[in-house]
Amino acid sequence: MSEETASAAKGSDAVCVFVNDKLDESCIEQLKKVNVRFIALRCAGWNNVDIRAAQANEIKVVRVPAYSPAAVAEHAVALLLTLNRKIHRAYNRVREGNFTLVLDLSVLI
């Protein structure tokens, strides 16, 4: 989300943004022009949003107050499984269009 992409929210009551999105005053003003009333953050922090500009433009800002410790643990297990099952290598092979079946599993190691 940026000032240049804010017009894509036309017809929406809310936008959902992440930590890499910068909602500065000019971006928030563009959101106001397309009648956005809510900004939902998919993160715990709000340092990427100009809160004063949102208040001045009557746009409510909501965020995730805290992440679940169980979700963090589940993600760690998923990363371990990715390494164990060599999913990262399989992903690259598919992306390159290599769909050959490998009968010798030592090739994957």
N, C-alpha and C. Protein backbone atom coordinates (compact mmCIF):
# COMPACT_ATOMS: atom_id res chain seq x y z
N MET A 1 0.85 -1.17 0.00
CA MET A 1 0.00 0.00 0.00
C MET A 1 0.90 1.23 0.00
N SER A 2 0.57 2.13 -0.86
CA SER A 2 1.29 3.40 -0.93
C SER A 2 0.34 4.44 -1.52
N GLU A 3 0.82 5.65 -1.64
CA GLU A 3 0.00 6.71 -2.22
C GLU A 3 -0.41 6.34 -3.66
N GLU A 4 0.51 5.71 -4.39
CA GLU A 4 0.24 5.34 -5.78
C GLU A 4 -0.77 4.21 -5.91
N THR A 5 -0.83 3.31 -4.94
CA THR A 5 -1.72 2.15 -5.05
C THR A 5 -3.01 2.30 -4.25
N ALA A 6 -3.16 3.37 -3.52
CA ALA A 6 -4.33 3.56 -2.66
C ALA A 6 -5.63 3.61 -3.46
N SER A 7 -5.57 4.06 -4.69
CA SER A 7 -6.79 4.15 -5.50
C SER A 7 -7.38 2.77 -5.81
N ALA A 8 -6.59 1.72 -5.67
CA ALA A 8 -7.09 0.36 -5.91
C ALA A 8 -8.12 -0.05 -4.86
N ALA A 9 -8.19 0.68 -3.76
CA ALA A 9 -9.15 0.38 -2.69
C ALA A 9 -10.53 0.98 -2.96
N LYS A 10 -10.69 1.60 -4.11
CA LYS A 10 -11.98 2.23 -4.43
C LYS A 10 -13.10 1.20 -4.35
N GLY A 11 -14.17 1.54 -3.66
CA GLY A 11 -15.30 0.66 -3.49
C GLY A 11 -15.20 -0.24 -2.26
N SER A 12 -14.11 -0.11 -1.52
CA SER A 12 -13.92 -0.91 -0.30
C SER A 12 -14.08 -0.04 0.94
N ASP A 13 -14.61 -0.63 1.98
CA ASP A 13 -14.73 0.09 3.25
C ASP A 13 -13.44 0.04 4.06
N ALA A 14 -12.61 -0.98 3.79
CA ALA A 14 -11.40 -1.18 4.59
C ALA A 14 -10.26 -1.69 3.72
N VAL A 15 -9.05 -1.47 4.22
CA VAL A 15 -7.85 -2.05 3.62
C VAL A 15 -7.12 -2.83 4.70
N CYS A 16 -6.44 -3.88 4.29
CA CYS A 16 -5.67 -4.71 5.20
C CYS A 16 -4.22 -4.63 4.76
N VAL A 17 -3.36 -4.10 5.61
CA VAL A 17 -1.97 -3.85 5.23
C VAL A 17 -1.01 -4.60 6.15
N PHE A 18 0.25 -4.68 5.72
CA PHE A 18 1.27 -5.40 6.47
C PHE A 18 2.40 -4.45 6.83
N VAL A 19 3.43 -4.96 7.46
CA VAL A 19 4.50 -4.12 8.01
C VAL A 19 5.29 -3.37 6.94
N ASN A 20 5.36 -3.87 5.73
CA ASN A 20 6.13 -3.20 4.68
C ASN A 20 5.37 -2.07 4.00
N ASP A 21 4.09 -1.96 4.26
CA ASP A 21 3.28 -0.89 3.68
C ASP A 21 3.48 0.39 4.48
N LYS A 22 3.65 1.49 3.76
CA LYS A 22 3.84 2.79 4.42
C LYS A 22 2.60 3.64 4.20
N LEU A 23 1.85 3.84 5.26
CA LEU A 23 0.64 4.65 5.18
C LEU A 23 0.94 6.02 5.79
N ASP A 24 1.57 6.86 5.00
CA ASP A 24 1.86 8.21 5.45
C ASP A 24 0.65 9.11 5.19
N GLU A 25 0.81 10.37 5.47
CA GLU A 25 -0.33 11.30 5.35
C GLU A 25 -0.90 11.34 3.94
N SER A 26 -0.06 11.37 2.93
CA SER A 26 -0.56 11.45 1.55
C SER A 26 -1.30 10.17 1.16
N CYS A 27 -0.82 9.02 1.61
CA CYS A 27 -1.51 7.75 1.33
C CYS A 27 -2.88 7.72 2.01
N ILE A 28 -2.92 8.15 3.25
CA ILE A 28 -4.18 8.16 3.99
C ILE A 28 -5.18 9.13 3.36
N GLU A 29 -4.70 10.25 2.86
CA GLU A 29 -5.59 11.19 2.18
C GLU A 29 -6.17 10.56 0.90
N GLN A 30 -5.36 9.77 0.20
CA GLN A 30 -5.86 9.07 -0.99
C GLN A 30 -6.91 8.04 -0.61
N LEU A 31 -6.69 7.35 0.53
CA LEU A 31 -7.68 6.38 1.00
C LEU A 31 -8.99 7.08 1.36
N LYS A 32 -8.89 8.25 1.95
CA LYS A 32 -10.09 9.02 2.29
C LYS A 32 -10.87 9.41 1.03
N LYS A 33 -10.15 9.75 -0.04
CA LYS A 33 -10.80 10.14 -1.30
C LYS A 33 -11.61 8.99 -1.91
N VAL A 34 -11.19 7.75 -1.66
CA VAL A 34 -11.94 6.60 -2.21
C VAL A 34 -12.86 6.00 -1.15
N ASN A 35 -13.11 6.75 -0.07
CA ASN A 35 -14.08 6.40 0.98
C ASN A 35 -13.72 5.18 1.83
N VAL A 36 -12.45 4.95 2.04
CA VAL A 36 -12.02 3.89 2.97
C VAL A 36 -12.23 4.41 4.38
N ARG A 37 -12.81 3.57 5.25
CA ARG A 37 -13.10 3.99 6.63
C ARG A 37 -12.28 3.26 7.68
N PHE A 38 -11.65 2.14 7.29
CA PHE A 38 -10.88 1.33 8.24
C PHE A 38 -9.55 0.90 7.64
N ILE A 39 -8.52 0.90 8.47
CA ILE A 39 -7.23 0.33 8.12
C ILE A 39 -6.98 -0.80 9.11
N ALA A 40 -6.84 -2.02 8.60
CA ALA A 40 -6.55 -3.18 9.45
C ALA A 40 -5.10 -3.58 9.23
N LEU A 41 -4.36 -3.66 10.31
CA LEU A 41 -2.95 -4.03 10.24
C LEU A 41 -2.79 -5.51 10.57
N ARG A 42 -2.04 -6.23 9.75
CA ARG A 42 -1.76 -7.65 10.01
C ARG A 42 -0.44 -7.77 10.78
N CYS A 43 -0.30 -6.96 11.79
CA CYS A 43 0.92 -6.95 12.60
C CYS A 43 0.61 -6.33 13.95
N ALA A 44 1.52 -6.47 14.89
CA ALA A 44 1.29 -5.93 16.23
C ALA A 44 1.63 -4.44 16.31
N GLY A 45 2.60 -4.00 15.54
CA GLY A 45 3.02 -2.60 15.58
C GLY A 45 2.20 -1.72 14.67
N TRP A 46 2.36 -0.41 14.83
CA TRP A 46 1.64 0.54 13.99
C TRP A 46 2.54 1.70 13.57
N ASN A 47 3.85 1.50 13.65
CA ASN A 47 4.79 2.57 13.32
C ASN A 47 4.81 2.92 11.84
N ASN A 48 4.21 2.10 10.99
CA ASN A 48 4.16 2.40 9.56
C ASN A 48 2.89 3.16 9.15
N VAL A 49 2.10 3.56 10.13
CA VAL A 49 0.85 4.29 9.86
C VAL A 49 0.90 5.64 10.56
N ASP A 50 0.57 6.68 9.84
CA ASP A 50 0.47 8.02 10.44
C ASP A 50 -0.89 8.10 11.15
N ILE A 51 -0.87 7.81 12.44
CA ILE A 51 -2.10 7.75 13.23
C ILE A 51 -2.81 9.10 13.26
N ARG A 52 -2.06 10.17 13.39
CA ARG A 52 -2.69 11.51 13.43
C ARG A 52 -3.41 11.81 12.12
N ALA A 53 -2.80 11.44 11.00
CA ALA A 53 -3.46 11.66 9.71
C ALA A 53 -4.71 10.81 9.59
N ALA A 54 -4.66 9.59 10.09
CA ALA A 54 -5.85 8.72 10.07
C ALA A 54 -6.96 9.33 10.90
N GLN A 55 -6.62 9.83 12.08
CA GLN A 55 -7.64 10.47 12.93
C GLN A 55 -8.21 11.71 12.26
N ALA A 56 -7.35 12.51 11.66
CA ALA A 56 -7.80 13.74 11.00
C ALA A 56 -8.73 13.43 9.83
N ASN A 57 -8.51 12.28 9.18
CA ASN A 57 -9.35 11.88 8.05
C ASN A 57 -10.47 10.93 8.44
N GLU A 58 -10.69 10.77 9.75
CA GLU A 58 -11.76 9.94 10.30
C GLU A 58 -11.69 8.50 9.81
N ILE A 59 -10.47 7.95 9.77
CA ILE A 59 -10.24 6.56 9.40
C ILE A 59 -9.78 5.82 10.65
N LYS A 60 -10.50 4.77 11.00
CA LYS A 60 -10.15 3.97 12.18
C LYS A 60 -9.02 3.01 11.82
N VAL A 61 -8.11 2.78 12.79
CA VAL A 61 -6.98 1.87 12.61
C VAL A 61 -7.08 0.78 13.66
N VAL A 62 -7.04 -0.47 13.20
CA VAL A 62 -7.06 -1.61 14.13
C VAL A 62 -5.84 -2.48 13.84
N ARG A 63 -5.40 -3.24 14.87
CA ARG A 63 -4.20 -4.04 14.72
C ARG A 63 -4.33 -5.33 15.52
N VAL A 64 -3.37 -6.22 15.33
CA VAL A 64 -3.28 -7.45 16.11
C VAL A 64 -2.58 -7.09 17.42
N PRO A 65 -3.24 -7.25 18.56
CA PRO A 65 -2.60 -6.84 19.82
C PRO A 65 -1.41 -7.71 20.20
N ALA A 66 -1.43 -8.98 19.85
CA ALA A 66 -0.32 -9.88 20.18
C ALA A 66 -0.45 -11.14 19.32
N TYR A 67 0.67 -11.76 19.08
CA TYR A 67 0.67 -13.01 18.34
C TYR A 67 0.56 -14.18 19.29
N SER A 68 -0.04 -15.24 18.84
CA SER A 68 -0.20 -16.44 19.64
C SER A 68 1.14 -17.17 19.74
N PRO A 69 1.58 -17.52 20.95
CA PRO A 69 2.81 -18.31 21.07
C PRO A 69 2.71 -19.65 20.35
N ALA A 70 1.52 -20.21 20.30
CA ALA A 70 1.33 -21.48 19.60
C ALA A 70 1.58 -21.29 18.10
N ALA A 71 1.16 -20.17 17.54
CA ALA A 71 1.37 -19.92 16.12
C ALA A 71 2.85 -19.82 15.80
N VAL A 72 3.62 -19.21 16.67
CA VAL A 72 5.06 -19.10 16.45
C VAL A 72 5.70 -20.49 16.50
N ALA A 73 5.29 -21.31 17.45
CA ALA A 73 5.82 -22.68 17.56
C ALA A 73 5.44 -23.51 16.33
N GLU A 74 4.21 -23.37 15.87
CA GLU A 74 3.77 -24.10 14.68
C GLU A 74 4.58 -23.70 13.46
N HIS A 75 4.88 -22.43 13.34
CA HIS A 75 5.69 -21.96 12.22
C HIS A 75 7.10 -22.53 12.29
N ALA A 76 7.67 -22.60 13.48
CA ALA A 76 9.01 -23.17 13.65
C ALA A 76 9.01 -24.64 13.23
N VAL A 77 8.00 -25.39 13.61
CA VAL A 77 7.90 -26.80 13.21
C VAL A 77 7.74 -26.91 11.68
N ALA A 78 6.97 -26.02 11.09
CA ALA A 78 6.79 -26.04 9.64
C ALA A 78 8.12 -25.78 8.93
N LEU A 79 8.93 -24.88 9.47
CA LEU A 79 10.24 -24.62 8.87
C LEU A 79 11.15 -25.84 8.99
N LEU A 80 11.10 -26.52 10.13
CA LEU A 80 11.89 -27.74 10.30
C LEU A 80 11.46 -28.82 9.31
N LEU A 81 10.15 -28.97 9.13
CA LEU A 81 9.65 -29.95 8.17
C LEU A 81 10.06 -29.59 6.74
N THR A 82 10.10 -28.31 6.44
CA THR A 82 10.53 -27.87 5.11
C THR A 82 11.95 -28.33 4.84
N LEU A 83 12.82 -28.17 5.84
CA LEU A 83 14.20 -28.62 5.67
C LEU A 83 14.29 -30.14 5.59
N ASN A 84 13.58 -30.80 6.45
CA ASN A 84 13.62 -32.26 6.50
C ASN A 84 13.08 -32.89 5.22
N ARG A 85 12.01 -32.35 4.69
CA ARG A 85 11.37 -32.90 3.48
C ARG A 85 11.93 -32.29 2.19
N LYS A 86 12.87 -31.36 2.34
CA LYS A 86 13.52 -30.70 1.20
C LYS A 86 12.51 -30.00 0.28
N ILE A 87 11.51 -29.40 0.90
CA ILE A 87 10.46 -28.70 0.14
C ILE A 87 11.04 -27.52 -0.62
N HIS A 88 12.04 -26.87 -0.05
CA HIS A 88 12.65 -25.72 -0.72
C HIS A 88 13.29 -26.13 -2.05
N ARG A 89 13.91 -27.32 -2.08
CA ARG A 89 14.51 -27.81 -3.33
C ARG A 89 13.42 -28.20 -4.33
N ALA A 90 12.38 -28.84 -3.84
CA ALA A 90 11.28 -29.23 -4.73
C ALA A 90 10.60 -28.00 -5.32
N TYR A 91 10.45 -26.96 -4.52
CA TYR A 91 9.85 -25.72 -5.01
C TYR A 91 10.66 -25.15 -6.17
N ASN A 92 11.98 -25.11 -6.00
CA ASN A 92 12.84 -24.57 -7.06
C ASN A 92 12.79 -25.42 -8.31
N ARG A 93 12.74 -26.74 -8.16
CA ARG A 93 12.66 -27.62 -9.33
C ARG A 93 11.37 -27.37 -10.10
N VAL A 94 10.27 -27.25 -9.40
CA VAL A 94 8.99 -27.00 -10.06
C VAL A 94 9.00 -25.63 -10.74
N ARG A 95 9.54 -24.64 -10.06
CA ARG A 95 9.61 -23.30 -10.64
C ARG A 95 10.42 -23.29 -11.93
N GLU A 96 11.44 -24.14 -12.00
CA GLU A 96 12.27 -24.23 -13.20
C GLU A 96 11.67 -25.14 -14.26
N GLY A 97 10.52 -25.74 -13.96
CA GLY A 97 9.86 -26.62 -14.92
C GLY A 97 10.44 -28.02 -14.94
N ASN A 98 11.17 -28.40 -13.90
CA ASN A 98 11.78 -29.72 -13.82
C ASN A 98 10.85 -30.64 -13.04
N PHE A 99 10.09 -31.46 -13.77
CA PHE A 99 9.14 -32.37 -13.15
C PHE A 99 9.60 -33.82 -13.20
N THR A 100 10.90 -34.03 -13.44
CA THR A 100 11.41 -35.40 -13.52
C THR A 100 11.34 -36.07 -12.15
N LEU A 101 11.05 -37.36 -12.17
CA LEU A 101 11.02 -38.13 -10.94
C LEU A 101 12.42 -38.65 -10.66
N VAL A 102 12.88 -38.49 -9.46
CA VAL A 102 14.20 -38.93 -9.06
C VAL A 102 14.05 -40.25 -8.32
N LEU A 103 14.62 -41.30 -8.86
CA LEU A 103 14.53 -42.60 -8.23
C LEU A 103 15.65 -42.78 -7.20
N ASP A 104 16.79 -42.15 -7.42
CA ASP A 104 17.90 -42.23 -6.48
C ASP A 104 17.78 -41.08 -5.50
N LEU A 105 17.35 -41.36 -4.29
CA LEU A 105 17.10 -40.31 -3.29
C LEU A 105 18.38 -39.62 -2.86
N SER A 106 19.53 -40.21 -3.07
CA SER A 106 20.78 -39.54 -2.68
C SER A 106 21.03 -38.30 -3.51
N VAL A 107 20.37 -38.18 -4.68
CA VAL A 107 20.49 -36.99 -5.52
C VAL A 107 19.90 -35.78 -4.80
N LEU A 108 18.89 -35.99 -3.99
CA LEU A 108 18.23 -34.90 -3.30
C LEU A 108 19.00 -34.38 -2.10
N ILE A 109 19.96 -35.15 -1.62
CA ILE A 109 20.68 -34.76 -0.40
C ILE A 109 21.76 -33.76 -0.70
